[in-house]
Amino acid sequence: MKKFTSVLVGILCLIVSVNVNAQSKTGADYFKGKWSVLIKGTPNGDAKMIFVLENNNDSIAGVVRDTTGTEIAKITSVELKDTEVTLYFTAQGYDVNLLMTKKDDDHTTGSLMSMFDAEGERIKEMKN
């Protein structure tokens, strides 16, 4: 009987430990950093941009760069929720917005101007 109780307690502990996950980051803490974003199906073909985002109080601020690192635009406005952010900026003379929705710890999905699909991937910095 002691063996049965021990096995039952062990199984219960295993189930509880599997169901307890670490808290995922949300909001500004999740979106801060560098993101490589691929915009699909634009009239000029697929476009890749780098978004460099940093915490700004309880929100986000940052810049948009091309793949060579040249700054294209500054983020002019931000709408931030737990698992999504909308970034507003000016590109080629047009005011545009990019919606990024958390997919997992290092990936986002979304759209540019609600017309073009976007996929983002966190750029991880190499630590020395």
Protein backbone atom coordinates (compact mmCIF):
# COMPACT_ATOMS: atom_id res chain seq x y z
CA MET A 1 0.00 0.00 0.00
CA LYS A 2 2.89 2.36 0.77
CA LYS A 3 4.30 1.71 -2.69
CA PHE A 4 0.97 2.56 -4.32
CA THR A 5 0.68 5.80 -2.35
CA SER A 6 4.25 6.77 -3.25
CA VAL A 7 3.62 6.11 -6.95
CA LEU A 8 0.36 8.08 -6.84
CA VAL A 9 2.05 11.05 -5.14
CA GLY A 10 4.89 10.88 -7.70
CA ILE A 11 2.46 10.92 -10.63
CA LEU A 12 0.53 13.82 -9.09
CA CYS A 13 3.75 15.82 -8.63
CA LEU A 14 4.74 15.09 -12.23
CA ILE A 15 1.38 16.30 -13.56
CA VAL A 16 1.55 19.48 -11.50
CA SER A 17 5.13 20.23 -12.57
CA VAL A 18 4.27 19.76 -16.26
CA ASN A 19 1.32 22.14 -16.00
CA VAL A 20 3.31 24.87 -14.27
CA ASN A 21 5.03 26.96 -16.94
CA ALA A 22 7.29 29.95 -16.51
CA GLN A 23 5.54 33.27 -17.00
CA SER A 24 6.04 34.52 -20.54
CA LYS A 25 6.91 38.15 -21.11
CA THR A 26 4.14 40.41 -22.36
CA GLY A 27 3.75 44.03 -23.41
CA ALA A 28 6.82 46.22 -23.66
CA ASP A 29 9.04 43.57 -22.05
CA TYR A 30 8.20 41.09 -24.79
CA PHE A 31 8.57 43.43 -27.78
CA LYS A 32 11.79 45.23 -26.76
CA GLY A 33 14.85 44.30 -28.78
CA LYS A 34 15.64 43.86 -32.47
CA TRP A 35 13.12 42.21 -34.79
CA SER A 36 13.64 41.09 -38.37
CA VAL A 37 10.26 41.48 -40.08
CA LEU A 38 9.40 40.08 -43.51
CA ILE A 39 6.50 41.86 -45.25
CA LYS A 40 5.03 39.56 -47.91
CA GLY A 41 3.41 40.45 -51.21
CA THR A 42 4.05 44.18 -51.50
CA PRO A 43 3.88 45.66 -55.03
CA ASN A 44 7.71 45.71 -55.04
CA GLY A 45 7.95 42.11 -53.79
CA ASP A 46 8.68 40.87 -50.30
CA ALA A 47 10.41 43.40 -48.06
CA LYS A 48 12.57 42.82 -45.00
CA MET A 49 12.98 45.47 -42.31
CA ILE A 50 14.65 45.57 -38.92
CA PHE A 51 12.72 47.12 -36.03
CA VAL A 52 14.84 48.24 -33.08
CA LEU A 53 12.52 48.67 -30.11
CA GLU A 54 13.25 49.77 -26.56
CA ASN A 55 11.20 50.34 -23.44
CA ASN A 56 9.94 53.88 -23.00
CA ASN A 57 8.23 54.01 -19.58
CA ASP A 58 5.35 51.52 -20.03
CA SER A 59 5.46 51.70 -23.82
CA ILE A 60 7.84 51.19 -26.74
CA ALA A 61 9.97 53.56 -28.82
CA GLY A 62 12.37 52.84 -31.64
CA VAL A 63 13.45 53.02 -35.24
CA VAL A 64 13.02 51.11 -38.49
CA ARG A 65 16.16 50.07 -40.39
CA ASP A 66 16.81 48.37 -43.70
CA THR A 67 18.81 45.16 -43.83
CA THR A 68 22.10 47.10 -44.09
CA GLY A 69 21.38 48.88 -40.80
CA THR A 70 20.52 52.26 -42.34
CA GLU A 71 17.73 54.03 -40.47
CA ILE A 72 14.60 54.34 -42.61
CA ALA A 73 12.21 55.92 -40.11
CA LYS A 74 11.49 56.61 -36.49
CA ILE A 75 8.50 55.01 -34.78
CA THR A 76 6.09 57.93 -34.39
CA SER A 77 3.35 56.28 -32.35
CA VAL A 78 2.67 52.97 -30.60
CA GLU A 79 -0.42 51.08 -29.46
CA LEU A 80 0.66 48.39 -27.00
CA LYS A 81 -1.33 45.50 -25.56
CA ASP A 82 -0.21 42.36 -23.72
CA THR A 83 0.43 40.22 -26.80
CA GLU A 84 0.38 42.72 -29.66
CA VAL A 85 1.79 46.06 -30.68
CA THR A 86 0.94 48.41 -33.53
CA LEU A 87 3.87 50.53 -34.69
CA TYR A 88 3.25 53.70 -36.71
CA PHE A 89 5.96 55.19 -38.92
CA THR A 90 6.45 57.00 -42.25
CA ALA A 91 7.87 55.08 -45.21
CA GLN A 92 8.47 56.62 -48.64
CA GLY A 93 6.25 59.57 -47.70
CA TYR A 94 3.31 57.45 -46.52
CA ASP A 95 2.09 56.98 -42.96
CA VAL A 96 1.95 53.22 -42.37
CA ASN A 97 1.39 50.87 -39.47
CA LEU A 98 2.63 47.41 -38.62
CA LEU A 99 0.67 45.10 -36.34
CA MET A 100 2.81 42.49 -34.59
CA THR A 101 1.12 39.73 -32.58
CA LYS A 102 3.08 37.39 -30.31
CA LYS A 103 3.32 33.86 -31.76
CA ASP A 104 5.89 32.42 -29.33
CA ASP A 105 8.87 33.74 -27.36
CA ASP A 106 10.85 34.74 -30.46
CA HIS A 107 8.31 35.03 -33.32
CA THR A 108 5.44 37.29 -34.30
CA THR A 109 2.80 37.35 -36.99
CA GLY A 110 0.89 40.35 -38.22
CA SER A 111 0.25 42.68 -41.09
CA LEU A 112 1.34 45.94 -42.64
CA MET A 113 -1.63 48.28 -43.14
CA SER A 114 -3.94 45.24 -42.72
CA MET A 115 -3.07 44.40 -46.35
CA PHE A 116 0.27 42.58 -46.37
CA ASP A 117 1.15 39.61 -44.15
CA ALA A 118 4.14 40.04 -41.88
CA GLU A 119 6.32 37.56 -40.02
CA GLY A 120 8.78 38.68 -37.38
CA GLU A 121 11.71 36.96 -35.71
CA ARG A 122 13.67 38.24 -32.73
CA ILE A 123 17.33 38.95 -33.54
CA LYS A 124 19.34 37.53 -30.68
CA GLU A 125 22.47 39.44 -29.75
CA MET A 126 25.65 37.44 -29.29
CA LYS A 127 26.97 37.90 -25.75
CA ASN A 128 30.72 37.95 -25.18
